[in-house]
Protein backbone atom coordinates (compact mmCIF):
# COMPACT_ATOMS: atom_id res chain seq x y z
CA MET A 1 119.79 130.51 80.75
CA GLU A 2 119.52 133.02 83.57
CA GLY A 3 117.12 134.72 86.03
CA ARG A 4 113.48 134.68 85.31
CA ARG A 5 113.83 132.66 82.16
CA ARG A 6 115.57 129.82 84.16
CA ALA A 7 112.84 129.95 86.81
CA ALA A 8 110.29 129.75 84.09
CA HIS A 9 111.99 126.74 82.27
CA ALA A 10 112.21 124.93 85.77
CA LEU A 11 108.52 125.41 86.48
CA ASN A 12 107.40 124.35 82.87
CA ARG A 13 109.36 121.12 83.07
CA LEU A 14 109.32 120.05 86.62
CA THR A 15 105.80 121.18 87.48
CA PHE A 16 102.29 121.36 85.78
CA GLY A 17 102.76 124.96 85.14
CA ALA A 18 103.51 128.20 87.08
CA ARG A 19 100.81 129.87 89.17
CA PRO A 20 100.44 133.64 89.12
CA GLY A 21 103.73 134.95 90.96
CA GLU A 22 105.37 131.67 91.31
CA ILE A 23 108.24 132.70 88.90
CA ASP A 24 109.28 135.64 91.19
CA GLN A 25 109.06 133.22 94.14
CA VAL A 26 111.34 130.86 92.42
CA VAL A 27 113.79 133.49 91.52
CA ALA A 28 113.77 134.93 95.07
CA MET A 29 114.32 131.39 96.63
CA GLY A 30 116.93 130.45 94.11
CA VAL A 31 116.37 127.89 91.17
CA ASP A 32 118.70 125.50 92.45
CA LYS A 33 117.37 125.55 96.10
CA TRP A 34 113.72 125.29 94.76
CA VAL A 35 114.69 122.26 92.54
CA ASP A 36 116.40 120.55 95.58
CA ARG A 37 113.18 120.90 97.80
CA GLN A 38 111.12 119.60 94.88
CA LEU A 39 113.48 116.30 94.90
CA HIS A 40 112.68 115.99 98.70
CA PRO A 41 108.77 116.41 98.74
CA ASP A 42 108.46 115.26 102.32
CA THR A 43 110.06 118.54 103.33
CA ILE A 44 107.15 120.40 101.61
CA ASP A 45 103.89 121.21 103.37
CA ASP A 46 100.96 120.03 101.36
CA SER A 47 98.15 120.46 103.91
CA LEU A 48 95.98 122.75 101.74
CA LEU A 49 95.98 120.02 99.19
CA ASP A 50 94.98 117.50 102.03
CA ALA A 51 92.14 119.73 102.68
CA ARG A 52 90.89 119.68 99.29
CA LEU A 53 90.88 116.05 99.21
CA ARG A 54 89.52 115.27 102.53
CA PRO A 55 85.80 115.01 101.26
CA PHE A 56 87.03 111.92 98.93
CA ARG A 57 87.07 109.15 101.45
CA THR A 58 87.81 106.44 98.91
CA LEU A 59 91.21 108.11 98.37
CA ARG A 60 92.06 106.87 101.96
CA MET A 61 90.39 103.56 102.03
CA ASP A 62 92.05 100.14 101.15
CA THR A 63 90.80 98.26 98.35
CA ARG A 64 88.42 95.80 100.48
CA GLU A 65 87.06 98.93 102.35
CA ILE A 66 86.16 100.44 98.83
CA VAL A 67 84.58 97.37 97.55
CA ASP A 68 82.54 96.87 100.88
CA ASN A 69 81.43 100.31 101.01
CA PHE A 70 80.73 100.80 97.06
CA PRO A 71 80.02 97.23 95.85
CA PRO A 72 80.62 96.30 92.28
CA PRO A 73 77.76 94.62 90.29
CA GLN A 74 79.27 91.03 90.81
CA LEU A 75 79.00 91.55 94.66
CA ILE A 76 75.67 92.75 94.59
CA LYS A 77 74.55 89.67 92.43
CA ALA A 78 76.12 87.49 94.98
CA VAL A 79 74.00 88.89 97.90
CA GLU A 80 70.83 88.91 95.72
CA THR A 81 71.41 85.11 95.03
CA GLY A 82 72.14 84.48 98.49
CA LYS A 83 75.80 83.41 98.01
CA ARG A 84 76.94 86.23 100.39
CA PRO A 85 75.08 87.91 103.26
CA LEU A 86 74.04 91.33 103.51
CA PRO A 87 76.45 93.41 105.46
CA SER A 88 75.62 94.20 109.03
CA ASP A 89 76.70 97.90 108.64
CA ALA A 90 73.31 99.90 108.38
CA ILE A 91 74.67 102.27 105.63
CA GLN A 92 76.16 99.53 103.58
CA ARG A 93 72.95 97.63 103.86
CA VAL A 94 70.94 100.36 102.30
CA VAL A 95 73.25 100.73 99.41
CA TYR A 96 73.07 96.82 98.82
CA GLU A 97 69.33 96.71 99.03
CA THR A 98 68.97 99.73 96.57
CA GLN A 99 71.00 98.16 94.24
CA MET A 100 69.45 94.84 94.47
CA ASP A 101 66.14 96.50 93.84
CA ARG A 102 67.57 97.89 90.84
CA LEU A 103 68.52 94.54 89.72
CA GLN A 104 65.08 93.15 90.32
CA ASN A 105 63.52 96.21 88.74
CA LYS A 106 65.48 95.41 85.46
CA LYS A 107 64.36 91.78 85.37
CA ARG A 108 60.75 92.93 86.12
CA ALA A 109 60.90 95.21 83.01
CA LYS A 110 62.45 92.38 80.97
CA GLN A 111 59.78 89.97 81.99
CA THR A 112 56.99 92.52 81.20
CA ASP A 113 58.48 93.31 77.86
CA ALA A 114 58.59 89.61 76.99
CA SER A 115 55.03 89.17 77.90
CA ALA A 116 53.99 92.23 75.85
CA GLU A 117 55.86 90.72 72.93
CA ASN A 118 54.21 87.22 73.30
CA ASP A 119 50.74 88.63 74.14
CA PRO A 120 50.11 92.33 74.46
CA THR A 121 46.51 91.59 75.64
CA ASP A 122 48.04 89.67 78.74
CA ILE A 123 49.38 92.58 80.70
CA GLN A 124 47.31 93.49 83.79
CA PRO A 125 46.50 97.35 84.29
CA ASP A 126 48.44 97.14 87.85
CA GLN A 127 51.52 95.34 86.23
CA LYS A 128 52.97 98.49 84.83
CA VAL A 129 52.67 102.02 86.22
CA PRO A 130 53.01 104.68 83.55
CA ARG A 131 56.40 106.23 83.36
CA ASP A 132 55.17 109.71 83.57
CA GLU A 133 53.48 108.89 86.68
CA ILE A 134 56.26 107.50 88.25
CA ASN A 135 58.58 110.61 87.30
CA VAL A 136 55.94 113.05 88.93
CA GLN A 137 55.59 111.05 92.02
CA THR A 138 59.50 110.86 92.31
CA GLN A 139 59.90 114.66 91.67
CA ILE A 140 57.41 115.40 94.36
CA LYS A 141 59.28 113.17 97.04
CA ILE A 142 62.65 114.93 96.01
CA GLN A 143 61.04 118.38 96.60
CA GLN A 144 59.80 117.17 99.91
CA LEU A 145 63.23 115.91 100.81
CA LEU A 146 64.67 119.40 99.65
CA GLU A 147 62.63 121.34 102.19
CA LEU A 148 64.36 119.23 105.02
CA SER A 149 67.67 120.09 106.70
CA PRO A 150 70.48 118.28 105.05
CA ASN A 151 70.95 115.64 108.18
CA ASP A 152 67.17 115.12 108.12
CA ARG A 153 67.18 114.94 104.41
CA VAL A 154 69.55 111.92 104.35
CA LYS A 155 67.67 110.29 107.33
CA LYS A 156 64.57 110.50 105.55
CA LEU A 157 65.97 109.12 102.25
CA LEU A 158 67.70 106.16 103.77
CA SER A 159 64.43 105.24 105.65
CA MET A 160 62.33 104.87 102.51
CA PRO A 161 61.65 101.73 100.74
CA ALA A 162 64.39 100.54 98.42
CA GLU A 163 62.29 101.23 95.46
CA ASP A 164 61.68 104.90 96.35
CA ARG A 165 65.44 105.38 97.18
CA ARG A 166 66.22 103.87 93.74
CA GLN A 167 63.93 106.11 91.79
CA ILE A 168 64.87 109.17 93.67
CA ALA A 169 68.65 108.58 93.30
CA SER A 170 68.31 107.78 89.49
CA SER A 171 66.29 111.16 88.98
CA LEU A 172 68.79 113.43 90.76
CA ARG A 173 70.52 115.24 87.89
CA GLY A 174 72.45 118.68 87.39
CA ALA A 175 71.39 121.44 89.49
CA LYS A 176 68.86 119.41 91.33
CA GLN A 177 71.59 116.90 92.45
CA GLU A 178 73.73 119.73 93.54
CA ARG A 179 71.04 121.36 95.62
CA PHE A 180 70.33 117.95 96.95
CA LEU A 181 73.92 117.30 97.95
CA SER A 182 74.49 120.77 99.30
CA GLY A 183 75.32 120.75 102.97
CA LEU A 184 75.88 117.07 103.24
CA ASN A 185 78.95 115.73 104.92
CA PRO A 186 81.16 113.79 102.86
CA GLU A 187 80.02 110.30 104.04
CA ASP A 188 76.35 111.38 103.50
CA ARG A 189 77.30 112.74 99.85
CA GLU A 190 78.87 109.27 98.87
CA THR A 191 76.09 107.49 100.24
CA VAL A 192 73.46 109.40 98.21
CA MET A 193 75.51 109.02 94.89
CA ALA A 194 76.08 105.30 95.80
CA LEU A 195 72.31 104.57 95.93
CA ASN A 196 72.41 105.39 92.05
CA ASN A 197 75.76 104.03 91.26
CA PRO A 198 78.45 102.75 93.81
CA GLN A 199 81.18 102.15 91.19
CA GLN A 200 80.79 105.57 89.99
CA VAL A 201 81.54 106.97 93.13
CA VAL A 202 84.88 105.32 93.25
CA VAL A 203 85.90 106.25 89.64
CA SER A 204 84.75 109.81 90.16
CA GLU A 205 86.86 110.33 93.32
CA LEU A 206 89.82 108.75 91.66
CA LEU A 207 89.69 111.13 88.73
CA GLN A 208 89.02 114.28 90.86
CA GLY A 209 91.85 113.54 93.17
CA LYS A 210 94.34 113.23 90.29
CA LEU A 211 93.24 116.56 88.67
CA LEU A 212 93.08 118.19 92.12
CA ARG A 213 96.43 117.04 93.01
CA ALA A 214 98.17 118.07 89.82
CA THR A 215 96.53 121.55 89.92
CA TYR A 216 97.00 122.25 93.80
CA SER A 217 99.97 120.33 95.14
CA GLU A 218 102.83 122.06 96.26
CA ARG A 219 104.95 118.94 95.72
CA GLN A 220 104.80 119.42 91.97
CA LEU A 221 107.52 117.47 90.78
CA GLU A 222 106.32 114.36 92.73
CA GLU A 223 102.88 114.81 90.99
CA VAL A 224 104.61 115.07 87.75
CA LEU A 225 106.60 111.88 88.48
CA THR A 226 103.56 110.01 89.64
CA ASP A 227 102.00 110.74 86.33
CA PHE A 228 105.20 109.87 84.38
CA TRP A 229 105.58 106.37 86.32
CA PHE A 230 101.86 105.58 86.17
CA ASN A 231 102.04 106.05 82.48
CA HIS A 232 105.20 103.99 82.17
CA PHE A 233 103.52 101.06 84.14
CA ASN A 234 100.24 101.84 82.57
CA VAL A 235 96.91 100.11 83.87
CA PHE A 236 93.60 100.77 82.19
CA ILE A 237 90.74 101.72 84.34
CA GLY A 238 88.05 100.30 82.18
CA LYS A 239 89.10 96.62 82.63
CA GLY A 240 86.83 95.16 85.34
CA ALA A 241 88.27 95.05 88.72
CA ASP A 242 90.85 97.76 87.91
CA ARG A 243 88.17 100.34 88.67
CA TYR A 244 88.47 99.41 92.29
CA LEU A 245 92.24 98.44 92.33
CA LEU A 246 93.66 101.83 90.75
CA THR A 247 92.98 103.82 94.05
CA SER A 248 95.59 101.80 95.73
CA TYR A 249 97.85 101.21 92.82
CA GLU A 250 98.43 104.73 92.37
CA ARG A 251 98.53 105.66 96.10
CA ASP A 252 100.65 102.70 97.43
CA VAL A 253 102.55 101.37 94.49
CA ILE A 254 103.45 104.22 92.21
CA ARG A 255 103.55 107.35 94.42
CA PRO A 256 105.91 106.04 97.32
CA HIS A 257 108.68 105.01 94.81
CA VAL A 258 108.67 107.81 92.32
CA LEU A 259 112.07 109.17 93.85
CA GLY A 260 113.21 105.72 94.95
CA LYS A 261 115.21 102.79 93.37
CA PHE A 262 113.65 101.57 90.12
CA GLU A 263 113.86 97.89 91.16
CA ASP A 264 111.65 98.61 94.23
CA LEU A 265 109.07 100.39 91.88
CA LEU A 266 109.26 97.35 89.46
CA VAL A 267 108.80 95.02 92.29
CA ALA A 268 105.86 96.79 93.63
CA THR A 269 104.14 97.07 90.22
CA ALA A 270 104.77 93.37 89.50
CA GLN A 271 103.01 92.40 92.72
CA SER A 272 100.23 94.84 92.47
CA PRO A 273 96.80 93.38 92.07
CA ALA A 274 96.11 96.21 89.51
CA MET A 275 98.95 94.97 87.34
CA LEU A 276 98.37 91.39 87.80
CA PHE A 277 94.61 91.77 86.85
CA TYR A 278 95.39 94.20 83.90
CA LEU A 279 97.88 91.97 82.17
CA ASP A 280 96.17 88.81 83.19
CA ASN A 281 99.12 87.27 85.08
CA TRP A 282 96.66 86.22 87.98
CA LEU A 283 95.12 83.65 85.54
CA SER A 284 98.52 82.27 84.25
CA VAL A 285 99.18 78.58 85.20
CA GLY A 286 102.33 76.79 84.51
CA PRO A 287 101.80 73.88 82.07
CA GLY A 288 103.65 71.42 84.20
CA SER A 289 102.36 72.74 87.45
CA GLU A 290 100.23 70.83 89.99
CA ALA A 291 96.99 72.96 89.21
CA ALA A 292 97.37 72.06 85.41
CA MET A 293 98.14 68.40 86.21
CA ARG A 294 95.09 68.34 88.42
CA SER A 295 92.92 70.22 85.94
CA GLY A 296 93.90 67.72 82.98
CA ARG A 297 92.86 64.82 85.15
CA SER A 298 89.47 66.31 85.91
CA SER A 299 88.78 67.88 82.58
CA ALA A 300 86.73 65.04 81.36
CA LYS A 301 84.23 65.59 84.14
CA ARG A 302 83.95 69.30 83.57
CA THR A 303 82.08 71.01 80.81
CA LYS A 304 83.48 74.00 78.77
CA ASP A 305 81.36 76.39 80.69
CA THR A 306 82.51 75.33 84.18
CA LYS A 307 86.36 75.10 83.21
CA SER A 308 88.54 77.57 85.25
CA LYS A 309 89.72 80.71 83.72
CA ARG A 310 93.13 79.68 84.76
CA SER A 311 93.63 77.31 82.02
CA GLY A 312 97.22 77.92 80.84
CA LEU A 313 100.28 79.99 80.36
CA ASN A 314 99.71 83.85 79.89
CA GLU A 315 102.62 85.60 78.25
CA ASN A 316 101.03 89.14 78.41
CA TYR A 317 103.00 90.37 81.52
CA GLY A 318 106.37 88.79 80.54
CA ARG A 319 106.18 90.54 77.06
CA GLU A 320 105.16 94.06 78.54
CA LEU A 321 107.67 93.72 81.33
CA MET A 322 110.54 93.42 78.91
CA GLU A 323 109.24 95.44 76.01
CA LEU A 324 107.63 98.52 77.77
CA GLN A 325 108.93 98.44 81.37
CA THR A 326 112.59 97.50 81.43
CA LEU A 327 114.56 96.45 78.36
CA GLY A 328 112.65 98.26 75.52
CA VAL A 329 111.57 96.81 72.22
CA ASN A 330 115.22 96.51 70.94
CA GLY A 331 116.64 95.60 74.49
CA GLY A 332 118.02 92.14 73.20
CA TYR A 333 115.37 89.72 74.42
CA THR A 334 113.71 86.95 72.25
CA GLN A 335 110.37 85.39 72.14
CA LYS A 336 111.91 82.39 74.08
CA ASP A 337 112.76 84.95 76.84
CA VAL A 338 109.18 86.13 76.96
CA THR A 339 108.00 82.57 77.43
CA GLU A 340 110.61 81.78 80.05
CA VAL A 341 109.72 84.96 81.94
CA ALA A 342 105.90 84.03 81.85
CA ARG A 343 106.81 80.51 83.27
CA VAL A 344 108.86 82.22 86.02
CA PHE A 345 105.64 84.37 87.16
CA THR A 346 103.19 81.59 87.06
CA GLY A 347 101.80 81.67 90.63
CA TRP A 348 101.98 85.13 91.06
CA THR A 349 98.33 85.84 91.54
CA ILE A 350 95.15 87.21 93.41
CA LYS A 351 92.54 84.97 94.73
CA ARG A 352 89.43 87.36 94.49
CA PRO A 353 90.53 90.52 92.58
CA ARG A 354 86.84 91.75 92.75
CA GLU A 355 86.69 91.52 96.39
CA GLY A 356 89.93 93.54 96.93
CA ASP A 357 92.31 90.53 97.67
CA SER A 358 96.16 91.48 97.79
CA PHE A 359 98.87 89.63 95.93
CA THR A 360 99.67 85.99 96.85
CA PHE A 361 102.02 83.43 95.63
CA GLU A 362 100.31 79.99 94.78
CA GLU A 363 102.95 77.31 94.42
CA ARG A 364 100.46 74.81 92.91
CA MET A 365 100.11 77.05 89.73
CA HIS A 366 103.82 77.75 89.48
CA GLU A 367 105.75 76.00 86.59
CA PRO A 368 108.44 73.85 88.13
CA GLY A 369 111.96 73.40 86.86
CA ASP A 370 114.75 75.70 85.61
CA LYS A 371 114.23 78.71 83.40
CA VAL A 372 116.53 80.61 81.25
CA VAL A 373 116.12 84.29 80.97
CA LEU A 374 118.73 86.40 78.73
CA GLY A 375 121.20 83.73 79.19
CA HIS A 376 120.90 83.46 82.89
CA ARG A 377 119.71 80.19 84.47
CA ILE A 378 116.83 80.59 86.95
CA LYS A 379 116.92 77.64 89.55
CA PRO A 380 113.60 76.61 91.11
CA ASN A 381 112.85 78.71 93.92
CA GLY A 382 109.21 79.48 93.88
CA GLU A 383 108.25 83.14 94.45
CA LYS A 384 111.90 84.27 94.58
CA GLU A 385 112.33 83.26 91.00
CA GLY A 386 110.20 86.38 90.07
CA LEU A 387 112.21 88.61 92.25
CA GLU A 388 115.50 87.25 90.68
CA VAL A 389 114.25 88.00 87.26
CA LEU A 390 113.04 91.53 88.36
CA HIS A 391 116.63 92.06 89.87
CA LEU A 392 118.08 91.03 86.64
CA LEU A 393 115.97 93.16 84.52
CA ALA A 394 116.27 96.35 86.61
CA HIS A 395 120.16 96.28 86.53
CA HIS A 396 120.43 95.54 82.86
CA PRO A 397 122.08 98.21 80.70
CA SER A 398 119.34 98.12 78.21
CA THR A 399 116.80 98.94 80.94
CA ALA A 400 119.03 101.72 82.24
CA ARG A 401 119.07 103.14 78.77
CA PHE A 402 115.45 102.70 77.96
CA VAL A 403 114.28 104.19 81.09
CA CYS A 404 116.57 107.24 81.02
CA THR A 405 115.71 107.94 77.59
CA LYS A 406 112.17 108.02 78.27
CA ILE A 407 112.77 110.32 81.26
CA ALA A 408 114.92 112.52 78.97
CA VAL A 409 111.96 112.69 76.41
CA ARG A 410 109.59 113.66 79.21
CA PHE A 411 111.62 116.44 80.82
CA VAL A 412 113.97 117.62 78.17
CA SER A 413 113.10 117.14 74.50
CA ASP A 414 111.22 114.67 72.14
CA ASP A 415 114.77 113.81 70.71
CA PRO A 416 117.01 114.01 73.71
CA PRO A 417 120.80 114.70 73.06
CA ARG A 418 122.72 111.38 73.07
CA ALA A 419 125.33 112.74 75.51
CA LEU A 420 122.70 113.49 78.13
CA VAL A 421 121.06 110.05 77.80
CA ASP A 422 124.55 108.49 78.13
CA GLN A 423 125.28 110.47 81.28
CA MET A 424 121.76 109.67 83.02
CA THR A 425 122.36 105.87 81.92
CA LYS A 426 125.75 105.97 83.54
CA THR A 427 124.36 107.34 86.74
CA PHE A 428 121.48 104.92 86.72
CA LEU A 429 123.88 102.00 86.69
CA GLN A 430 126.18 103.34 89.14
CA LYS A 431 123.64 104.75 91.74
CA ASP A 432 121.69 101.33 91.57
CA GLY A 433 118.85 102.58 89.65
CA ASP A 434 118.38 105.56 92.01
CA ILE A 435 115.56 107.66 90.31
CA ARG A 436 116.52 110.80 92.41
CA GLU A 437 120.23 110.57 91.33
CA VAL A 438 119.22 110.13 87.63
CA LEU A 439 117.07 113.21 87.79
CA ARG A 440 119.97 115.04 89.55
CA ALA A 441 122.27 114.23 86.65
CA MET A 442 119.60 115.39 84.29
CA LEU A 443 119.13 118.75 86.04
CA ARG A 444 122.88 119.25 86.39
CA SER A 445 123.27 119.05 82.64
CA ASP A 446 123.76 121.79 80.09
CA GLU A 447 121.38 120.09 77.98
CA PHE A 448 118.30 120.49 80.48
CA TRP A 449 118.94 124.21 80.70
CA SER A 450 119.81 124.73 77.03
CA GLU A 451 118.00 127.71 75.24
CA THR A 452 117.17 125.24 72.26
CA ASN A 453 115.02 123.27 74.75
CA HIS A 454 113.19 126.21 76.14
CA HIS A 455 109.58 125.98 75.14
CA ALA A 456 110.52 122.99 72.91
CA LYS A 457 107.85 120.55 73.99
CA VAL A 458 104.34 120.49 73.46
CA LYS A 459 102.03 119.87 76.43
CA THR A 460 99.75 116.84 76.59
CA PRO A 461 96.20 117.60 77.23
CA LEU A 462 96.52 116.96 80.84
CA GLU A 463 99.50 119.17 81.28
CA PHE A 464 97.52 121.90 79.12
CA VAL A 465 94.28 121.82 80.99
CA VAL A 466 96.06 121.74 84.41
CA SER A 467 98.61 124.51 83.50
CA ALA A 468 95.58 126.67 82.38
CA LEU A 469 93.92 126.03 85.78
CA ARG A 470 97.28 126.96 87.53
CA ALA A 471 98.03 129.93 85.49
CA SER A 472 94.42 131.55 85.94
CA ASP A 473 94.55 130.58 89.71
CA ALA A 474 91.38 128.66 89.21
CA GLN A 475 89.21 127.72 92.07
CA VAL A 476 87.77 124.06 91.29
CA THR A 477 85.10 123.12 93.46
CA ASP A 478 84.08 120.19 91.05
CA ALA A 479 86.64 118.69 88.91
CA MET A 480 84.68 116.16 86.98
CA PRO A 481 83.81 118.69 84.20
CA ALA A 482 87.57 119.40 83.89
CA THR A 483 88.05 115.61 83.57
CA ARG A 484 85.43 115.34 80.99
CA VAL A 485 87.33 118.13 78.99
CA LEU A 486 90.45 115.57 79.02
CA GLN A 487 88.21 112.83 77.64
CA THR A 488 87.18 115.23 74.82
CA LEU A 489 90.90 116.00 74.06
CA GLY A 490 91.65 112.49 73.80
CA MET A 491 93.48 111.82 76.95
CA PRO A 492 90.78 110.50 79.55
CA LEU A 493 92.49 110.03 83.00
CA TYR A 494 93.48 106.33 83.61
CA GLY A 495 91.89 105.63 80.10
CA MET A 496 94.77 104.32 77.91
CA GLN A 497 93.76 100.80 76.98
CA PRO A 498 97.00 99.46 75.61
CA PRO A 499 99.98 98.95 78.10
CA THR A 500 102.01 101.57 76.27
CA GLY A 501 100.55 104.46 78.04
CA TYR A 502 100.11 107.97 76.72
CA SER A 503 102.98 109.38 74.52
CA THR A 504 104.60 112.66 75.72
CA LYS A 505 105.66 113.58 72.24
CA ALA A 506 104.29 116.48 70.04
CA ASP A 507 103.28 114.28 67.12
CA ALA A 508 100.60 112.41 69.29
CA TRP A 509 98.78 115.65 70.07
CA VAL A 510 99.37 118.18 67.40
CA ASN A 511 96.65 118.38 64.84
CA SER A 512 93.93 120.99 63.94
CA ALA A 513 91.11 119.16 65.62
CA ALA A 514 93.01 119.01 69.04
CA LEU A 515 94.11 122.49 68.65
CA LEU A 516 90.48 123.63 68.25
CA GLY A 517 89.62 121.72 71.27
CA ARG A 518 92.20 123.37 73.29
CA MET A 519 91.04 126.81 72.27
CA ASN A 520 87.37 125.90 73.09
CA PHE A 521 88.43 124.78 76.60
CA ALA A 522 90.53 128.03 77.19
CA LEU A 523 87.59 130.17 76.08
CA ALA A 524 85.17 128.14 78.30
CA LEU A 525 87.47 128.34 81.23
CA THR A 526 87.93 132.15 80.96
CA SER A 527 84.34 133.02 80.39
CA GLY A 528 83.02 131.00 83.27
CA LYS A 529 81.39 128.29 81.25
CA LEU A 530 83.55 125.54 82.67
CA LYS A 531 81.17 124.15 85.40
CA GLY A 532 82.64 123.58 88.97
CA THR A 533 85.49 126.02 88.23
CA GLU A 534 85.73 129.82 88.97
CA ILE A 535 88.38 132.38 88.02
CA ASP A 536 88.93 135.94 88.98
CA LEU A 537 90.43 137.64 86.07
CA SER A 538 90.91 140.89 87.86
CA LYS A 539 93.96 139.39 89.49
CA LEU A 540 95.61 138.67 86.05
CA ALA A 541 94.85 141.96 84.14
CA SER A 542 95.43 145.79 84.78
CA ASP A 543 92.50 147.76 85.65
CA SER A 544 92.41 149.90 82.52
CA ASP A 545 90.09 150.74 79.55
CA ASP A 546 93.19 150.69 77.24
CA PRO A 547 93.03 147.31 75.42
CA ALA A 548 96.76 147.34 74.63
CA MET A 549 97.62 147.62 78.52
CA THR A 550 95.09 144.99 79.31
CA LEU A 551 96.71 142.62 76.66
CA ALA A 552 100.22 143.39 77.96
CA SER A 553 99.33 142.74 81.48
CA LEU A 554 97.58 139.42 80.59
CA GLU A 555 100.73 138.43 78.65
CA ARG A 556 102.83 138.99 81.56
CA SER A 557 100.41 136.92 83.91
CA LEU A 558 99.67 133.97 81.81
CA LEU A 559 102.88 133.80 79.42
CA ALA A 560 105.60 135.48 81.90
CA GLY A 561 105.90 137.91 79.20
CA GLU A 562 107.39 135.24 76.90
CA VAL A 563 105.39 135.96 73.72
CA SER A 564 106.64 135.95 70.11
CA PRO A 565 106.20 139.09 68.09
CA GLN A 566 103.92 137.02 65.61
CA THR A 567 101.61 135.91 68.60
CA HIS A 568 101.50 139.32 70.10
CA GLU A 569 100.70 140.92 66.58
CA THR A 570 97.98 138.32 66.19
CA LEU A 571 96.55 139.11 69.60
CA ALA A 572 96.96 142.88 69.26
CA ALA A 573 95.01 142.73 65.91
CA ARG A 574 91.94 141.15 67.83
CA LEU A 575 91.96 144.27 69.97
CA GLN A 576 89.82 145.74 67.30
CA ASP A 577 87.17 143.11 67.56
CA PRO A 578 83.93 144.55 69.02
CA LYS A 579 83.78 141.26 71.12
CA ILE A 580 86.90 142.28 72.77
CA THR A 581 86.58 146.18 73.05
CA ARG A 582 82.74 146.04 73.59
CA ARG A 583 82.54 149.08 71.45
CA VAL A 584 80.15 149.66 68.61
CA LEU A 585 80.85 152.53 66.34
CA ASP A 586 81.46 155.68 68.47
CA ASP A 587 80.43 154.30 72.05
CA PRO A 588 82.78 155.60 74.70
CA PRO A 589 85.48 153.18 75.84
CA SER A 590 84.33 150.46 78.28
CA PRO A 591 86.30 147.73 80.19
CA VAL A 592 87.89 145.24 77.64
CA ALA A 593 86.45 141.69 77.45
CA THR A 594 89.38 140.23 79.47
CA ASP A 595 87.72 136.88 79.39
CA THR A 596 87.88 136.37 75.56
CA LEU A 597 91.48 137.95 75.72
CA ALA A 598 92.74 135.60 78.28
CA GLY A 599 90.99 132.71 76.35
CA LEU A 600 92.99 133.48 73.26
CA ILE A 601 96.12 133.78 75.16
CA LEU A 602 95.80 130.26 76.96
CA GLY A 603 95.08 128.97 73.53
CA SER A 604 98.14 130.60 71.93
CA PRO A 605 101.23 128.55 70.64
CA GLU A 606 103.37 129.90 73.48
CA PHE A 607 101.06 128.59 76.26
CA GLN A 608 100.63 125.23 74.64
CA ARG A 609 104.37 124.67 74.69
CA LYS A 610 106.46 124.33 77.87
């Protein structure tokens, strides 16, 4: 594989897709030099991406800061019931008070409904203001706020009674919300959104940050690997506290280790509050531990409702650690090993996950005594027992093969050559699990650059959507509509509930419904119907009234000219379609509908493969 084809292959596999002109840039630099730069992301300037991410303050906050500024429902209830004080910070206080008013309004509504059900004649006229009247009053207040400058608008809103703030925040939708938020600084935008749903601010910024990084980062291999390793050590955003824990998990646990030693990544995930919460290890208590003994002595004095959640040994993490993260399902472990590993990791916990606490080791929860894992005796050593097991697993031959196979499936083919996996596994074991060196071994192999593997993999929905944004040089000002497309295509960001993570193989994504969904997205993108995203098709197509020339220029721009005769003929046949030619009967020639034509190309088999 030589020249432009080699550069295109590198961009297809090691990035989220080529941008206009990028293949020529890689050819000019030299593919090997470009690859080496991607293997050392710290040498690449990514300041333009940083500027795009600057408005999303939660992406730079630690978990406790996120919780304090955008409180979850549990924290709001704790303040409402007097178990916690209102924060001293004025802005935080406004958010808490508005959310407490929301809770109280729900309680009032329930009480009113209950009264009406018991005695419909017992409701006094002033107990319930008609909903329509409330809506009209709220819309008037919103209009009055919109007439103010952005700074005065926020000041006025925050000075209103909590009930007014709640009603206004709940009523801001669509274009009116965009107008209301226009001109506000990032902190004020977040505050206004938090008045309606603080938790949604955290989730929205996390989702948008991921999509913007994938689309605009110059450190593309780092982004691809961050997605790969997050998927390998999957955590589901829909599980309680993980909505707040995932920001730090991806930023502080996954990203810094994607090109480092596998053992360091394994330890970081094992001690991550996000993983501890997701797989319930924070609740795991050794049956013979001090906590269990004390619980047993006092159990007669406690009712079932007050009994601690930390009531026994939990094997979730031990099982997934060996089956999905290290050895693999056929890696040579037994159910006894699962139980022993679970005993080792008792005491690895979080005190208050919903308040942003970090990892801690609780000796009183830890199972005492020796454990035997994969035939190795683990002597009593507290927290260090877990580190010993992680070291054992990180250096096990089954782990090396399992991890290397998974890397090869992601970057080479759905059924990677055994010789390649053997070489990568050998490198993994010789280089102490150095991920960068494993990737080097893969990238120096003939198998990676083989013609048989060129365009042999099907893009996942994430890869498809982001590659379309990159190929069309899209300017994304609001990434949320694009993230909702991924939900429609069956791959919501951070949304895989089982610990398996999303598959990168074709059979998981190739079906008629999925292909139709991809085509619909492509046409929406190129026709300007994807909100928050704009593209300039004049940069991609030649300025010509000749449909054939327009098609050829779009094929060069969007497919690097790599289009099969069958696909080209199919597209060429569409050039007679009035929707594309914009001609009726004997009308004179007019500019071709490049938006429709570009959408069809992005939905073509060639673009859906990499």
